[in-house]
């Protein structure tokens, strides 16, 4: 397998770093859409999908411990951007560390 030149790897890494999201606007979790049944006799929810949607940010804090945060309809778009920023950061970090491993293998990892 042909090795990529260190200069090419460094340029690719710099392009990835330039794509990093705003680090102040990150949220880890999943936005969940929920519908609830009210239990009133004759209510449309007893036959259908329920009242809603209501939105919650679900975050796993530790194994077996999850917390949900209510998200208003007005906040939904912003929360989705924050969650998307987190996923983007995670994916870019994986690519950057992969490049750094290649540089390390070639003895070309810079001090930075």
Protein backbone atom coordinates (compact mmCIF):
# COMPACT_ATOMS: atom_id res chain seq x y z
CA UNK A 1 0.00 0.00 0.00
CA UNK A 2 1.35 3.40 -1.01
CA UNK A 3 1.99 5.86 1.81
CA UNK A 4 0.58 9.37 1.58
CA UNK A 5 3.22 12.08 1.77
CA UNK A 6 3.38 13.92 5.12
CA UNK A 7 2.79 17.29 3.41
CA UNK A 8 -0.44 15.96 1.88
CA UNK A 9 -1.56 14.56 5.24
CA UNK A 10 -0.85 17.90 6.98
CA UNK A 11 -2.85 19.83 4.37
CA UNK A 12 -5.75 17.41 4.71
CA UNK A 13 -5.58 17.74 8.49
CA UNK A 14 -5.60 21.55 8.25
CA UNK A 15 -8.72 21.44 6.03
CA UNK A 16 -10.45 19.22 8.59
CA UNK A 17 -9.50 21.53 11.48
CA UNK A 18 -10.97 24.47 9.54
CA UNK A 19 -14.30 22.59 9.42
CA UNK A 20 -14.55 22.13 13.21
CA UNK A 21 -17.82 23.51 14.60
CA UNK A 22 -18.11 26.22 17.23
CA UNK A 23 -16.96 24.42 20.39
CA UNK A 24 -19.32 26.47 22.57
CA UNK A 25 -22.34 25.13 20.70
CA UNK A 26 -22.22 21.38 21.35
CA UNK A 27 -24.67 18.95 22.91
CA UNK A 28 -24.25 15.20 23.13
CA UNK A 29 -27.48 13.28 22.99
CA UNK A 30 -30.46 12.40 20.86
CA UNK A 31 -33.54 14.49 20.22
CA UNK A 32 -36.55 12.27 20.86
CA UNK A 33 -40.10 12.93 19.68
CA UNK A 34 -42.79 11.59 22.03
CA UNK A 35 -46.55 11.26 21.90
CA UNK A 36 -48.57 10.62 25.06
CA UNK A 37 -51.99 9.17 25.73
CA UNK A 38 -54.00 11.13 28.30
CA UNK A 39 -56.25 8.26 29.41
CA UNK A 40 -59.53 10.22 29.03
CA UNK A 41 -62.37 8.11 27.71
CA UNK A 42 -63.30 9.03 24.16
CA UNK A 43 -60.21 11.14 23.52
CA UNK A 44 -58.73 10.80 20.04
CA UNK A 45 -55.44 9.71 21.57
CA UNK A 46 -56.87 6.40 22.77
CA UNK A 47 -57.13 5.24 19.15
CA UNK A 48 -54.38 7.30 17.50
CA UNK A 49 -50.77 8.13 18.14
CA UNK A 50 -51.44 10.39 21.11
CA UNK A 51 -50.97 14.02 22.03
CA UNK A 52 -47.84 15.69 20.81
CA UNK A 53 -45.29 15.76 19.61
CA UNK A 54 -43.25 16.71 22.65
CA UNK A 55 -39.47 16.87 22.27
CA UNK A 56 -36.79 15.74 24.71
CA UNK A 57 -33.01 15.67 24.57
CA UNK A 58 -31.99 12.24 25.86
CA UNK A 59 -28.45 12.00 27.23
CA UNK A 60 -26.71 8.93 28.64
CA UNK A 61 -24.71 10.17 31.63
CA UNK A 62 -23.23 6.81 32.64
CA UNK A 63 -24.06 3.14 32.06
CA UNK A 64 -27.70 2.69 33.03
CA UNK A 65 -28.23 6.39 33.79
CA UNK A 66 -30.06 8.49 31.22
CA UNK A 67 -31.46 11.97 31.63
CA UNK A 68 -34.08 13.65 29.47
CA UNK A 69 -34.45 17.40 29.06
CA UNK A 70 -37.66 18.94 27.75
CA UNK A 71 -37.13 20.90 24.54
CA UNK A 72 -39.77 23.41 23.47
CA UNK A 73 -40.80 23.64 19.83
CA UNK A 74 -39.02 27.01 19.70
CA UNK A 75 -35.77 25.42 20.95
CA UNK A 76 -35.93 22.34 18.71
CA UNK A 77 -34.06 23.80 15.72
CA UNK A 78 -31.24 25.17 17.91
CA UNK A 79 -30.92 21.91 19.86
CA UNK A 80 -30.69 19.96 16.59
CA UNK A 81 -27.84 22.25 15.46
CA UNK A 82 -26.00 21.71 18.75
CA UNK A 83 -26.41 17.93 18.52
CA UNK A 84 -25.32 17.99 14.86
CA UNK A 85 -22.25 20.05 15.86
CA UNK A 86 -21.32 17.38 18.40
CA UNK A 87 -21.61 14.60 15.82
CA UNK A 88 -19.61 16.64 13.31
CA UNK A 89 -16.89 17.29 15.91
CA UNK A 90 -16.72 13.59 16.82
CA UNK A 91 -16.41 12.55 13.16
CA UNK A 92 -13.79 15.19 12.36
CA UNK A 93 -11.75 14.24 15.44
CA UNK A 94 -11.69 10.63 14.26
CA UNK A 95 -10.39 11.71 10.85
CA UNK A 96 -7.78 14.03 12.38
CA UNK A 97 -6.50 11.38 14.80
CA UNK A 98 -6.31 8.91 11.90
CA UNK A 99 -4.09 11.33 10.01
CA UNK A 100 -1.97 11.86 13.11
CA UNK A 101 -1.53 8.07 13.43
CA UNK A 102 -0.35 7.93 9.81
CA UNK A 103 2.13 10.73 10.51
CA UNK A 104 3.30 8.93 13.66
CA UNK A 105 3.85 5.70 11.71
CA UNK A 106 5.97 7.66 9.21
CA UNK A 107 7.96 9.37 11.98
CA UNK A 108 6.55 12.71 10.84
CA UNK A 109 4.30 13.74 13.72
CA UNK A 110 5.07 17.41 14.36
CA UNK A 111 5.43 19.04 17.77
CA UNK A 112 2.58 21.52 17.15
